[in-house]
């Protein structure tokens, strides 16, 4: 019954995929950073998609409100790597407004989809 429920969620598009939980430090990337960017509203979606293609970028989020409307998570081996990523984002047309080094990420699965009917 669990597999059936998962299959139903996949078919409905609720579960869109599965992602690896990577320890970037063990894999050789000592630096994990959040780069806060601003994109012109008409170009936000296109620039976010292009940013996802920059080597070292592992995730891009579009934010609906505010000036900081594109969040880029990137990994690098050193400061030069992160500088390169920032420069490439700038060349795309994203204005980098802040960068924060991330120490750890803690996740918890959403249990909202559990059903007591089964």
Protein backbone atom coordinates (compact mmCIF):
# COMPACT_ATOMS: atom_id res chain seq x y z
CA UNK A 1 0.00 0.00 0.00
CA UNK A 2 2.91 2.38 0.60
CA UNK A 3 4.18 1.85 -2.94
CA UNK A 4 0.67 2.48 -4.31
CA UNK A 5 0.45 5.77 -2.38
CA UNK A 6 3.88 6.87 -3.63
CA UNK A 7 2.88 5.97 -7.19
CA UNK A 8 -0.34 8.01 -6.84
CA UNK A 9 1.63 11.02 -5.59
CA UNK A 10 4.11 10.65 -8.48
CA UNK A 11 1.32 10.37 -11.07
CA UNK A 12 -0.44 13.42 -9.62
CA UNK A 13 2.80 15.40 -9.89
CA UNK A 14 3.06 15.93 -6.12
CA UNK A 15 6.34 13.99 -6.06
CA UNK A 16 8.34 15.31 -9.01
CA UNK A 17 11.59 13.48 -8.38
CA UNK A 18 14.16 12.25 -5.93
CA UNK A 19 17.36 14.02 -5.01
CA UNK A 20 20.59 12.89 -3.44
CA UNK A 21 21.57 14.38 -0.07
CA UNK A 22 25.20 15.18 -0.91
CA UNK A 23 27.89 15.98 1.64
CA UNK A 24 29.74 18.54 -0.45
CA UNK A 25 32.66 18.78 1.94
CA UNK A 26 33.41 15.05 1.69
CA UNK A 27 33.13 15.28 -2.09
CA UNK A 28 35.84 17.95 -2.21
CA UNK A 29 33.82 21.17 -2.12
CA UNK A 30 34.79 22.91 1.12
CA UNK A 31 32.62 25.97 0.51
CA UNK A 32 28.83 25.95 0.24
CA UNK A 33 27.25 29.36 -0.25
CA UNK A 34 23.94 31.11 -0.69
CA UNK A 35 24.19 33.87 -3.27
CA UNK A 36 21.34 36.39 -3.12
CA UNK A 37 20.62 37.97 -6.49
CA UNK A 38 18.25 40.43 -8.10
CA UNK A 39 16.85 39.89 -11.58
CA UNK A 40 14.59 42.20 -13.57
CA UNK A 41 11.05 40.84 -13.11
CA UNK A 42 10.41 40.09 -16.81
CA UNK A 43 13.67 38.11 -17.01
CA UNK A 44 13.61 36.35 -13.62
CA UNK A 45 12.52 32.89 -14.81
CA UNK A 46 14.91 32.81 -17.77
CA UNK A 47 17.87 34.09 -15.72
CA UNK A 48 17.16 31.59 -12.94
CA UNK A 49 17.19 28.74 -15.47
CA UNK A 50 20.45 30.01 -16.95
CA UNK A 51 21.99 30.37 -13.48
CA UNK A 52 21.26 26.69 -12.82
CA UNK A 53 23.63 25.83 -15.69
CA UNK A 54 26.65 27.64 -14.19
CA UNK A 55 29.24 25.06 -13.06
CA UNK A 56 29.17 24.84 -9.26
CA UNK A 57 25.53 25.92 -8.92
CA UNK A 58 23.51 23.18 -7.22
CA UNK A 59 20.14 24.90 -6.76
CA UNK A 60 18.33 28.05 -7.86
CA UNK A 61 15.10 29.36 -6.37
CA UNK A 62 12.87 32.09 -7.78
CA UNK A 63 11.37 34.30 -5.06
CA UNK A 64 8.02 35.93 -5.76
CA UNK A 65 8.42 39.15 -3.78
CA UNK A 66 11.10 41.66 -2.95
CA UNK A 67 14.25 42.77 -4.63
CA UNK A 68 16.24 39.63 -3.73
CA UNK A 69 14.24 37.48 -6.13
CA UNK A 70 16.73 34.77 -7.13
CA UNK A 71 18.52 32.59 -4.56
CA UNK A 72 21.48 30.58 -5.82
CA UNK A 73 23.12 27.80 -3.82
CA UNK A 74 26.60 26.97 -5.04
CA UNK A 75 29.62 24.93 -4.03
CA UNK A 76 33.30 25.57 -4.58
CA UNK A 77 36.70 24.29 -3.63
CA UNK A 78 38.02 27.75 -2.66
CA UNK A 79 37.30 31.46 -2.75
CA UNK A 80 38.39 31.73 -6.38
CA UNK A 81 35.73 29.18 -7.33
CA UNK A 82 33.01 31.22 -5.62
CA UNK A 83 34.30 34.42 -7.23
CA UNK A 84 34.06 32.78 -10.66
CA UNK A 85 30.48 31.70 -9.98
CA UNK A 86 29.53 35.21 -8.84
CA UNK A 87 31.12 36.72 -11.96
CA UNK A 88 29.28 34.28 -14.23
CA UNK A 89 25.97 35.12 -12.54
CA UNK A 90 26.76 38.82 -13.04
CA UNK A 91 27.53 38.21 -16.74
CA UNK A 92 24.10 36.58 -17.12
CA UNK A 93 22.45 39.77 -15.87
CA UNK A 94 21.87 38.85 -12.23
CA UNK A 95 22.94 41.47 -9.68
CA UNK A 96 24.60 39.78 -6.70
CA UNK A 97 23.56 41.59 -3.54
CA UNK A 98 24.79 39.22 -0.81
CA UNK A 99 26.72 36.01 -0.26
CA UNK A 100 26.50 33.82 2.83
CA UNK A 101 28.66 30.78 3.60
CA UNK A 102 26.49 27.91 4.81
CA UNK A 103 27.81 25.71 7.61
CA UNK A 104 25.08 23.02 7.74
CA UNK A 105 21.68 22.29 6.31
CA UNK A 106 19.04 20.47 8.33
CA UNK A 107 16.01 18.99 6.57
CA UNK A 108 12.88 17.32 7.80
CA UNK A 109 10.48 15.44 5.54
CA UNK A 110 7.00 16.88 5.18
CA UNK A 111 4.55 14.46 6.79
CA UNK A 112 1.44 16.28 5.58
CA UNK A 113 0.83 13.68 2.90
CA UNK A 114 0.43 10.78 5.28
CA UNK A 115 -3.02 9.31 5.03
CA UNK A 116 -4.91 7.58 7.78
CA UNK A 117 -7.36 6.13 5.22
CA UNK A 118 -5.02 3.35 4.14
